[in-house]
């Protein structure tokens, strides 16, 4: 796989250090690092009628108050400004901000924004400006509590600060097209160039100006692609990168890697990514909990994409939704899946000899439900040699109760008593999930393997030494960070579980399923 190289070009000048460097094409008038450096704040609890120099106190149990923090700052130059970022850790509806009376907010009201990007510099003026931040505070208990002092940064940016923030991220692909998503750190236009590797015309697709960009590239054969972000005279581009080749997954052989539960800044995640890249997989499946809190905008880079940047730039990423994604609305922006219009983390696709079915196990998949009927229809119509059901929530795990009831853990209950029997009826291969931060392979009597691969970088679960837990079907178990690699060769599919130290923890081989009357 090619190594991802990001560069910046500005009026013919190339800076190979990185897009975010301010050395190339800096404005004639240097911009400050932070407009709020040395700022002093005043506070109000009565809607701005009166102000104090110190943060106020909440004094009664159950008291809820909107506290406004106010400061002023000077701006000497607006001509060289391309954008302003507010670093104040705002989350709505409990906090919001205004600059000179203009509201400052992120794209989605449900989300937490440590940094608000894309602020139009037109709201600033030469001379004195005012920033107000309002936060809702609640007090519980008898002791009075002082509201924490306000801390914030207001960072001006020039066009030369343009960079790719997220991605590029390859998504769902098939014989006729492949997909890419990315985010820029500033409001910009992005051009996608795609060309046949054997020569031919280059396709050019342009996004609208924004922070989020999506491309679905039509093709015939094997292609490579490049992204180029544009803002005024600044260009920020990737190297030419390999697009997924449909022929690589339809020639009777295929390799895919699977992981789950990165959800932290643990260096183990980055090491696992490097190991997965070395496998040169055809696709990458992530079974949920990519971040600790999917509503926190900054975690998508810190917990997942920063480490996975090289992997997802040339390996299609197929995601599964976990509980820590928190049903964040940004999922549709970051990922393009085989679902309708590329939107949604419930999807199915047959790729080569493998049928993949991805579900959100928090939803209703009990027997007789609409979701259950959808899975059954996919199974009925699939003639794939191997079938994998992908969820975040496993059917069998040692950390689950030995005797499940629907009300105790409905995700495990419906996986064990509805989905696994359904898979067995159609000769499914395995159900693969995360959630429990261990590796565990179970072989229940129904004949469908249950795999837990939750060792992607989050903290590891610990059972008492020698205690198999509440799972009588355990055939492989390890409390180590790990990933899975699957190799399909003709009528066999072999899985290896590989630890972060490179040790093979477990192996399993399946033979191709028999096509029954129900699957013909």
Foldseek 3Di string as FASTA:
>chain_A
DDFKFKWKAFPRDIDRPFQQDCPPPNDPDHDDFFQCVVWFKWKDFPPPPDIHRFFDKDADAFDKTKMKIKTKGADADLPQFDWKKKQFFDAPPFKWKDKQRHTQDADDNHFIERMGAAHGSVSDDGTMIMMMMIGMDTHHDRHMGGDDDGDMTMGTDGQSSKHWDFAQFWADDAQFKTKTKTFIRHFWKKWKWKAAPVDDDIDIDIDHTDGIDMDIGTDHFWMWMKMWTDDPRMIMIMDTAGEQGLCAQAVQKFKEKEAEALAALFCLLLLQLVVRVVVVGQAYEYAENQHQALSHVVRCCRRHRVSNRRVRNHHHYQYAYDVRNVPDPCPQRNHQYQPVVSGDNAHWDDRHQETEGGDELVDDCAPPDPNVVVVLVSLLADPHQAYEYGHADWLDDLPDDLDDDCVVPVSNVRRNPPVLLSCLVSVHAEYEHEPAQWWWWFQDPSGHIITYRHQNNDQWDDDDPPDRHNGPGTDFIGRARWMKMWMGHRQKIKIFIAGSVGDGRDMDMDGGDDQDPSHD
